[in-house]
Amino acid sequence: MTRTRKTMSDQAFYSALQAKLDTLQTEGLFKPERVLASRQGAEVVAADGRTLINMCANNYLGLSGDPETQKAAEAALEKYGYGLSSVRFICGTQTVHKELEQKLSEFLGTEDTILYAAAFDANGGVFEPLFDENDAIISDALNHASIIDGIRLCKAARYRYANNDMADLEKQLIAATEAGKRHKIIVTDGAFSMDGTIAQLDRIVELAEKYGALTMIDESHASGFMGKTGRGTHEHFNVMGKIDIITGTLGKALGGAMGGFTSGRKEVIETLRQKSRPYLFSNSLAPMIAGASLAVLDRISKSTELRDRLHENTAYFRKEIERIGFTIKPGTHPVVPVMLFDAPVAQKFAARMFELGVLLSGFFYPVVPMGQARVRVQLSAAHTREQLDTVLKAFEQAGRELGLIKN
C-alpha cells in the first residue's frame, strides 16, 4: 500500500512538471538548444551540417575558437594537467591561478582578485559574506539573474531602482539612509546584455560619494573591449579606482570558456576566500582555462587590433541596420537589439533568419518587457565585412517578407 501511494505521488509530480513544460511550449517560451558540430566562431556548423553566420555569441573579441587561445590552453594542460579534483583551500591552487588573479588585478586596477568556477558563482557568492540585516543593497532593476539570486541569499535590506534611472537611484539611497542602514552598496551591470546600454557609472559614483555608499559593477559584457584600453566601463567613464567591487567573466570577451572573478580591495577578497560558499565548495577553475586567460590578457594589453575591429563592426552594423529600416536601441555597444515589439513576430523572424543562414535569438516577455520583443545581434571582432553584409541582406529579405520594412 505504501509503495502504491508513493508511485501515485511520483506520477503526480512528473505530470505536474510535464504540464509546466507544455505551458512553456504553448506560450512560446520553451528554449530549445541549438546543437553545433564545430568550434565557436563567426561561422559555425550546425548538427545537420549547415554553415551559419553566428550573430548570437558573447564572443566579442573572437577568441573562443582562436588558435592562439587554444595553443595557450594546450600549454597549460601539458604543464598543469586536466584538473585538480579539489577546492582551492585544500590542494586546488596552482601557480597559474595566482598568476591569473594578479594579472586580473593589474588589468582592472584593483588590489586583489578571487577566481570562481563561473561568473554566476562570483555574483552568487559576493553578498552574503559581506552584508547582513544592518546593511542595504540598492540594485538596478535590469541586473543579471546571478546578481538577483546572490542578493536573495543575503539578509541585507533590498532596494531596487529603475534601469539606469539616476533620480530613482537617489530616491532609494535616501530611503536606505533614512532607514538607518549601516553600509549601503549600489549594484549594477556595467553593460546591460538585453539592451546594449551602459550604466552611468560617472553619475553612480557621484551619488555613492554623496550618500556614503559603496559601488559594485558586473563587467561580464564589458571586460576586454570597453574603455580606451579595454578594461571596462569603469575605464570608459574614467572612474577606475572608484569602484569598490568588480565581478566579471572569463567566458565572453576574455577567451570564452568559463570562469568568473571578483576583484577589489584586499579586505573584501580575503573575506570572500574565507566565507564565500561557491568558492569554498566548488572545484578550482581548470588550469587550461587559467593559462589561456592569462594569454588573452597579455594579448589584449599589447594590441588594440581586436577592439578596433569590434568597434568598427559595431558602428557599421548599427548604421546599416537603421538604413535598411529597422529600429534599434541607441548606443555603441556590440549588443544590438533589433526591435520587433511583437513576440510571435520575433519568433518568426529568428526562424526565417535561420533558414537564410543566420544564427540569432529572439527575446520576448518575460525576458524583456511586454511589447518589447526583439532579436538580439551580437557583433564580434571575428566577423568580416562580407559576413556582415550577408547578414544585413538577410535582415532586409526577412523584413520585407514579414512586412516589417516598407521602403
Protein backbone atom coordinates (compact mmCIF):
# COMPACT_ATOMS: atom_id res chain seq x y z
CA MET A 1 0.00 0.00 0.00
CA THR A 2 2.83 2.39 0.88
CA ARG A 3 4.53 1.68 -2.42
CA THR A 4 1.28 2.30 -4.34
CA ARG A 5 0.83 5.68 -2.67
CA LYS A 6 4.43 6.61 -3.44
CA THR A 7 4.01 5.59 -7.06
CA MET A 8 0.89 7.73 -7.35
CA SER A 9 2.73 10.61 -5.72
CA ASP A 10 5.66 10.19 -8.10
CA GLN A 11 3.34 10.22 -11.10
CA ALA A 12 1.60 13.37 -9.87
CA PHE A 13 4.98 15.07 -9.53
CA TYR A 14 6.11 14.13 -13.04
CA SER A 15 2.72 15.02 -14.51
CA ALA A 16 2.90 18.46 -12.91
CA LEU A 17 6.34 19.02 -14.41
CA GLN A 18 5.15 17.95 -17.86
CA ALA A 19 2.17 20.30 -17.61
CA LYS A 20 4.52 23.19 -16.90
CA LEU A 21 6.70 22.20 -19.87
CA ASP A 22 3.61 22.01 -22.09
CA THR A 23 2.63 25.51 -20.96
CA LEU A 24 6.06 26.83 -21.91
CA GLN A 25 5.65 25.28 -25.36
CA THR A 26 2.15 26.73 -25.78
CA GLU A 27 3.23 30.22 -24.69
CA GLY A 28 6.27 30.14 -26.97
CA LEU A 29 8.67 30.39 -24.03
CA PHE A 30 10.33 26.98 -24.37
CA LYS A 31 14.05 27.30 -25.09
CA PRO A 32 15.36 24.56 -27.38
CA GLU A 33 19.11 24.04 -27.53
CA ARG A 34 20.88 24.57 -30.83
CA VAL A 35 23.48 21.87 -31.34
CA LEU A 36 26.73 22.85 -33.05
CA ALA A 37 29.21 20.48 -34.67
CA SER A 38 32.09 22.96 -34.87
CA ARG A 39 34.16 25.28 -32.74
CA GLN A 40 32.73 28.66 -31.78
CA GLY A 41 33.34 31.43 -34.29
CA ALA A 42 31.90 33.96 -36.71
CA GLU A 43 30.67 30.96 -38.68
CA VAL A 44 29.51 27.74 -37.08
CA VAL A 45 28.35 24.38 -38.38
CA ALA A 46 25.02 23.09 -37.11
CA ALA A 47 24.48 19.43 -36.24
CA ASP A 48 22.70 18.97 -39.59
CA GLY A 49 25.81 20.15 -41.44
CA ARG A 50 24.59 23.63 -42.34
CA THR A 51 27.03 26.52 -42.10
CA LEU A 52 25.59 29.58 -40.34
CA ILE A 53 26.86 33.08 -39.68
CA ASN A 54 26.77 33.34 -35.91
CA MET A 55 25.30 36.59 -34.57
CA CYS A 56 24.34 35.48 -31.07
CA ALA A 57 27.56 34.56 -29.23
CA ASN A 58 29.27 36.53 -26.46
CA ASN A 59 32.49 36.00 -28.44
CA TYR A 60 33.17 39.74 -28.62
CA LEU A 61 36.88 39.57 -29.46
CA GLY A 62 36.62 36.37 -31.48
CA LEU A 63 38.95 34.47 -29.17
CA SER A 64 36.78 31.44 -28.32
CA GLY A 65 38.00 29.37 -31.26
CA ASP A 66 41.19 31.33 -31.87
CA PRO A 67 44.34 29.22 -32.50
CA GLU A 68 46.48 31.33 -30.14
CA THR A 69 43.96 30.86 -27.33
CA GLN A 70 43.90 27.12 -27.96
CA LYS A 71 47.70 26.93 -28.03
CA ALA A 72 47.92 28.64 -24.63
CA ALA A 73 45.31 26.25 -23.22
CA GLU A 74 47.24 23.26 -24.56
CA ALA A 75 50.46 24.52 -22.97
CA ALA A 76 48.73 24.88 -19.59
CA LEU A 77 47.16 21.45 -19.99
CA GLU A 78 50.58 19.93 -20.62
CA LYS A 79 52.18 21.68 -17.63
CA TYR A 80 49.41 21.63 -15.02
CA GLY A 81 47.18 18.73 -16.05
CA TYR A 82 43.48 18.42 -16.79
CA GLY A 83 42.04 19.29 -13.39
CA LEU A 84 42.70 19.43 -9.66
CA SER A 85 39.99 17.31 -8.03
CA SER A 86 39.97 19.77 -5.15
CA VAL A 87 38.70 23.09 -3.90
CA ARG A 88 41.17 25.95 -3.68
CA PHE A 89 41.86 25.90 0.07
CA ILE A 90 42.73 22.18 0.24
CA CYS A 91 45.05 21.36 -2.68
CA GLY A 92 43.42 23.12 -5.62
CA THR A 93 45.57 26.23 -6.00
CA GLN A 94 48.34 26.23 -8.60
CA THR A 95 50.74 28.98 -9.55
CA VAL A 96 48.70 29.61 -12.71
CA HIS A 97 45.65 30.54 -10.59
CA LYS A 98 47.62 33.04 -8.52
CA GLU A 99 49.23 34.48 -11.66
CA LEU A 100 45.81 34.98 -13.24
CA GLU A 101 44.42 36.63 -10.12
CA GLN A 102 47.38 39.01 -10.04
CA LYS A 103 47.08 39.75 -13.77
CA LEU A 104 43.34 40.48 -13.46
CA SER A 105 44.01 42.82 -10.54
CA GLU A 106 46.58 44.73 -12.58
CA PHE A 107 44.24 44.83 -15.57
CA LEU A 108 41.27 46.11 -13.56
CA GLY A 109 43.27 48.45 -11.33
CA THR A 110 42.40 46.72 -8.05
CA GLU A 111 44.31 45.27 -5.09
CA ASP A 112 43.28 41.62 -5.34
CA THR A 113 41.10 39.15 -7.25
CA ILE A 114 39.44 35.83 -6.49
CA LEU A 115 38.58 33.27 -9.18
CA TYR A 116 35.32 31.32 -9.36
CA ALA A 117 34.19 28.38 -11.48
CA ALA A 118 31.62 30.68 -13.13
CA ALA A 119 30.62 34.34 -13.11
CA PHE A 120 27.23 33.22 -11.78
CA ASP A 121 29.10 31.93 -8.72
CA ALA A 122 31.00 35.20 -8.36
CA ASN A 123 27.76 37.17 -8.16
CA GLY A 124 26.02 34.46 -6.18
CA GLY A 125 28.76 34.37 -3.57
CA VAL A 126 29.64 38.03 -3.08
CA PHE A 127 26.80 39.47 -0.98
CA GLU A 128 26.15 37.01 1.87
CA PRO A 129 29.70 37.11 3.30
CA LEU A 130 29.91 40.91 3.19
CA PHE A 131 26.47 42.24 4.18
CA ASP A 132 23.80 41.44 6.78
CA GLU A 133 20.44 42.73 8.03
CA ASN A 134 22.02 46.02 9.11
CA ASP A 135 23.01 46.85 5.53
CA ALA A 136 21.29 47.84 2.28
CA ILE A 137 21.79 46.67 -1.30
CA ILE A 138 20.48 49.07 -3.96
CA SER A 139 20.21 47.15 -7.23
CA ASP A 140 19.36 48.14 -10.81
CA ALA A 141 16.06 46.63 -11.97
CA LEU A 142 17.68 45.03 -15.03
CA ASN A 143 20.66 43.46 -13.29
CA HIS A 144 21.66 39.94 -14.32
CA ALA A 145 19.86 36.97 -12.77
CA SER A 146 23.04 35.97 -10.92
CA ILE A 147 23.06 39.29 -9.06
CA ILE A 148 19.38 38.92 -8.21
CA ASP A 149 19.93 35.40 -6.89
CA GLY A 150 23.01 36.46 -4.94
CA ILE A 151 21.07 39.25 -3.24
CA ARG A 152 18.32 36.79 -2.31
CA LEU A 153 20.87 34.73 -0.37
CA CYS A 154 21.80 37.77 1.72
CA LYS A 155 19.91 39.18 4.73
CA ALA A 156 20.54 42.80 3.77
CA ALA A 157 17.59 45.08 3.02
CA ARG A 158 16.87 45.22 -0.71
CA TYR A 159 16.15 48.36 -2.68
CA ARG A 160 15.58 48.41 -6.44
CA TYR A 161 15.84 51.37 -8.79
CA ALA A 162 14.51 51.71 -12.34
CA ASN A 163 17.03 50.78 -15.02
CA ASN A 164 19.78 53.40 -15.31
CA ASP A 165 17.45 55.97 -13.67
CA MET A 166 19.64 58.20 -11.53
CA ALA A 167 16.71 60.07 -9.98
CA ASP A 168 15.22 56.80 -8.77
CA LEU A 169 18.63 55.60 -7.58
CA GLU A 170 18.96 58.73 -5.45
CA LYS A 171 15.45 58.16 -4.08
CA GLN A 172 16.42 54.63 -2.99
CA LEU A 173 19.68 55.87 -1.46
CA ILE A 174 17.72 58.40 0.58
CA ALA A 175 15.30 55.68 1.71
CA ALA A 176 18.15 53.40 2.79
CA THR A 177 19.86 56.27 4.61
CA GLU A 178 16.67 57.26 6.42
CA ALA A 179 16.19 53.61 7.41
CA GLY A 180 19.49 53.88 9.28
CA LYS A 181 21.30 51.23 7.29
CA ARG A 182 24.95 50.78 8.29
CA HIS A 183 26.53 50.04 4.91
CA LYS A 184 24.95 50.77 1.54
CA ILE A 185 26.12 49.37 -1.80
CA ILE A 186 24.92 50.29 -5.29
CA VAL A 187 24.99 47.28 -7.63
CA THR A 188 24.70 47.46 -11.42
CA ASP A 189 25.65 45.68 -14.60
CA GLY A 190 28.33 47.70 -16.34
CA ALA A 191 26.62 46.97 -19.67
CA PHE A 192 23.12 45.52 -19.89
CA SER A 193 23.00 42.44 -22.07
CA MET A 194 19.45 42.77 -23.41
CA ASP A 195 19.52 46.46 -24.35
CA GLY A 196 23.20 47.07 -25.05
CA THR A 197 23.04 50.16 -22.83
CA ILE A 198 25.83 51.19 -20.49
CA ALA A 199 25.39 52.08 -16.82
CA GLN A 200 26.01 55.74 -15.99
CA LEU A 201 28.97 54.98 -13.77
CA ASP A 202 30.11 58.58 -13.51
CA ARG A 203 26.74 59.60 -12.04
CA ILE A 204 26.55 56.45 -9.92
CA VAL A 205 29.94 57.23 -8.37
CA GLU A 206 28.81 60.81 -7.67
CA LEU A 207 25.70 59.57 -5.88
CA ALA A 208 27.68 56.95 -3.99
CA GLU A 209 30.04 59.62 -2.71
CA LYS A 210 27.14 61.92 -1.82
CA TYR A 211 25.34 59.28 0.27
CA GLY A 212 28.31 57.32 1.57
CA ALA A 213 27.63 54.18 -0.43
CA LEU A 214 29.89 51.52 -1.89
CA THR A 215 29.70 50.57 -5.58
CA MET A 216 29.75 47.24 -7.41
CA ILE A 217 29.65 46.53 -11.14
CA ASP A 218 29.31 43.31 -13.13
CA GLU A 219 31.62 43.69 -16.12
CA SER A 220 30.71 40.47 -17.93
CA HIS A 221 29.65 42.34 -21.08
CA ALA A 222 32.43 44.95 -20.90
CA SER A 223 35.77 43.50 -19.76
CA GLY A 224 38.20 43.26 -22.64
CA PHE A 225 36.69 45.81 -25.01
CA MET A 226 35.04 48.75 -23.22
CA GLY A 227 37.23 51.72 -22.38
CA LYS A 228 40.35 53.07 -24.03
CA THR A 229 42.46 50.03 -23.16
CA GLY A 230 39.62 47.50 -22.79
CA ARG A 231 39.49 47.49 -19.00
CA GLY A 232 35.75 48.01 -18.85
CA THR A 233 33.03 50.54 -18.16
CA HIS A 234 34.88 52.00 -15.18
CA GLU A 235 37.67 52.95 -17.59
CA HIS A 236 35.12 54.16 -20.15
CA PHE A 237 33.76 56.64 -17.59
CA ASN A 238 37.16 57.47 -16.08
CA VAL A 239 36.21 56.17 -12.63
CA MET A 240 38.90 53.49 -12.26
CA GLY A 241 39.84 53.26 -8.60
CA LYS A 242 36.40 54.47 -7.52
CA ILE A 243 34.52 51.17 -7.88
CA ASP A 244 34.68 49.03 -4.75
CA ILE A 245 33.80 45.60 -6.18
CA ILE A 246 34.08 44.35 -9.77
CA THR A 247 32.75 40.99 -10.90
CA GLY A 248 33.17 39.54 -14.35
CA THR A 249 33.64 36.51 -16.53
CA LEU A 250 36.30 34.69 -18.49
CA GLY A 251 33.54 33.21 -20.64
CA LYS A 252 32.84 36.09 -23.00
CA ALA A 253 35.43 38.51 -24.44
CA LEU A 254 38.28 37.11 -22.32
CA GLY A 255 38.54 33.78 -24.11
CA GLY A 256 35.02 32.43 -23.98
CA ALA A 257 35.47 29.21 -21.97
CA MET A 258 34.11 29.61 -18.44
CA GLY A 259 35.08 31.00 -15.08
CA GLY A 260 34.37 34.18 -13.16
CA PHE A 261 36.10 36.57 -10.81
CA THR A 262 35.55 39.18 -8.13
CA SER A 263 38.07 41.97 -7.78
CA GLY A 264 38.50 44.78 -5.26
CA ARG A 265 40.18 45.77 -2.01
CA LYS A 266 42.25 43.07 -0.32
CA GLU A 267 39.95 43.05 2.73
CA VAL A 268 36.97 42.22 0.51
CA ILE A 269 38.75 39.49 -1.42
CA GLU A 270 40.24 37.83 1.66
CA THR A 271 36.80 37.78 3.29
CA LEU A 272 35.41 36.05 0.21
CA ARG A 273 38.24 33.49 0.28
CA GLN A 274 37.27 32.65 3.85
CA LYS A 275 33.48 32.78 3.61
CA SER A 276 32.14 32.73 0.03
CA ARG A 277 30.42 29.37 -0.30
CA PRO A 278 30.63 28.95 -4.11
CA TYR A 279 34.40 29.46 -3.79
CA LEU A 280 34.83 27.20 -0.78
CA PHE A 281 32.74 24.33 -2.11
CA SER A 282 33.48 24.27 -5.85
CA ASN A 283 36.41 22.70 -7.66
CA SER A 284 39.15 25.02 -8.84
CA LEU A 285 38.98 26.57 -12.27
CA ALA A 286 40.56 24.19 -14.80
CA PRO A 287 44.25 25.13 -15.24
CA MET A 288 43.98 25.17 -19.04
CA ILE A 289 41.33 27.91 -18.77
CA ALA A 290 43.51 29.89 -16.37
CA GLY A 291 46.50 29.56 -18.69
CA ALA A 292 44.55 30.60 -21.78
CA SER A 293 43.03 33.55 -19.91
CA LEU A 294 46.49 34.78 -18.98
CA ALA A 295 47.48 34.67 -22.64
CA VAL A 296 44.33 36.57 -23.63
CA LEU A 297 45.04 39.33 -21.10
CA ASP A 298 48.61 39.63 -22.39
CA ARG A 299 47.38 39.79 -25.97
CA ILE A 300 44.73 42.47 -25.50
CA SER A 301 47.08 44.52 -23.31
CA LYS A 302 49.66 44.70 -26.12
CA SER A 303 47.40 45.43 -29.08
CA THR A 304 44.17 47.29 -29.84
CA GLU A 305 43.59 45.37 -33.08
CA LEU A 306 40.72 43.19 -31.87
CA ARG A 307 38.99 46.02 -30.00
CA ASP A 308 39.32 48.30 -33.01
CA ARG A 309 37.83 45.68 -35.31
CA LEU A 310 34.95 45.04 -32.90
CA HIS A 311 34.13 48.74 -32.64
CA GLU A 312 34.33 49.13 -36.44
CA ASN A 313 31.98 46.18 -36.95
CA THR A 314 29.57 47.52 -34.34
CA ALA A 315 29.43 51.02 -35.83
CA TYR A 316 28.98 49.65 -39.34
CA PHE A 317 26.19 47.24 -38.42
CA ARG A 318 24.32 49.79 -36.31
CA LYS A 319 24.39 52.34 -39.14
CA GLU A 320 23.38 49.89 -41.87
CA ILE A 321 20.57 48.14 -39.98
CA GLU A 322 18.91 51.51 -39.37
CA ARG A 323 19.41 52.48 -43.02
CA ILE A 324 17.53 49.35 -44.05
CA GLY A 325 14.61 50.49 -41.93
CA PHE A 326 14.82 48.61 -38.63
CA THR A 327 14.52 50.22 -35.20
CA ILE A 328 17.35 49.53 -32.77
CA LYS A 329 18.15 50.61 -29.23
CA PRO A 330 20.63 53.50 -29.46
CA GLY A 331 24.18 53.08 -28.24
CA THR A 332 27.70 51.98 -29.13
CA HIS A 333 27.79 48.52 -27.54
CA PRO A 334 28.20 45.38 -29.73
CA VAL A 335 24.90 44.09 -28.35
CA VAL A 336 22.36 45.47 -30.84
CA PRO A 337 18.67 44.87 -30.03
CA VAL A 338 16.65 44.99 -33.26
CA MET A 339 13.17 45.89 -32.03
CA LEU A 340 10.24 43.90 -33.45
CA PHE A 341 7.90 44.54 -30.46
CA ASP A 342 5.58 41.55 -31.03
CA ALA A 343 6.59 38.15 -29.58
CA PRO A 344 5.24 35.92 -32.40
CA VAL A 345 6.90 38.20 -34.96
CA ALA A 346 10.25 37.91 -33.14
CA GLN A 347 9.93 34.12 -33.17
CA LYS A 348 9.05 34.01 -36.86
CA PHE A 349 11.82 36.43 -37.74
CA ALA A 350 14.51 34.44 -35.90
CA ALA A 351 13.28 31.24 -37.57
CA ARG A 352 13.38 32.85 -41.02
CA MET A 353 16.88 34.19 -40.42
CA PHE A 354 17.97 30.66 -39.52
CA GLU A 355 16.59 29.47 -42.86
CA LEU A 356 18.61 32.24 -44.53
CA GLY A 357 21.80 31.05 -42.83
CA VAL A 358 21.99 33.45 -39.88
CA LEU A 359 22.02 32.28 -36.27
CA LEU A 360 20.45 34.72 -33.79
CA SER A 361 17.91 34.67 -30.97
CA GLY A 362 14.52 36.22 -30.41
CA PHE A 363 13.61 37.56 -26.97
CA PHE A 364 10.21 38.48 -25.59
CA TYR A 365 8.25 38.70 -22.33
CA PRO A 366 9.10 37.77 -19.59
CA VAL A 367 12.79 38.02 -20.60
CA VAL A 368 12.14 41.58 -21.81
CA PRO A 369 9.18 43.88 -21.00
CA MET A 370 5.81 43.21 -22.61
CA GLY A 371 5.63 44.75 -26.08
CA GLN A 372 9.43 45.00 -26.35
CA ALA A 373 10.14 41.77 -28.27
CA ARG A 374 13.32 41.79 -30.30
CA VAL A 375 16.09 39.82 -31.93
CA ARG A 376 19.46 40.45 -30.34
CA VAL A 377 22.50 40.78 -32.57
CA GLN A 378 25.96 40.45 -31.04
CA LEU A 379 28.93 41.66 -33.04
CA SER A 380 32.38 40.10 -32.88
CA ALA A 381 35.86 41.12 -33.96
CA ALA A 382 35.86 37.84 -35.89
CA HIS A 383 33.10 38.95 -38.26
CA THR A 384 34.26 40.03 -41.72
CA ARG A 385 32.62 42.88 -43.63
CA GLU A 386 31.43 40.33 -46.19
CA GLN A 387 29.71 38.32 -43.45
CA LEU A 388 28.03 41.41 -42.04
CA ASP A 389 26.78 42.41 -45.49
CA THR A 390 25.34 38.91 -45.94
CA VAL A 391 23.57 39.22 -42.59
CA LEU A 392 22.21 42.66 -43.47
CA LYS A 393 20.83 41.33 -46.76
CA ALA A 394 19.13 38.53 -44.84
CA PHE A 395 17.63 41.08 -42.44
CA GLU A 396 16.28 43.07 -45.37
CA GLN A 397 14.83 39.99 -47.07
CA ALA A 398 13.18 38.65 -43.92
CA GLY A 399 11.97 42.12 -43.00
CA ARG A 400 10.24 42.59 -46.35
CA GLU A 401 8.74 39.09 -46.31
CA LEU A 402 7.20 39.71 -42.88
CA GLY A 403 6.10 43.24 -43.69
CA LEU A 404 8.42 44.85 -41.16
CA ILE A 405 10.09 47.29 -43.56
CA LYS A 406 8.36 49.14 -46.38
CA ASN A 407 10.94 51.37 -48.07
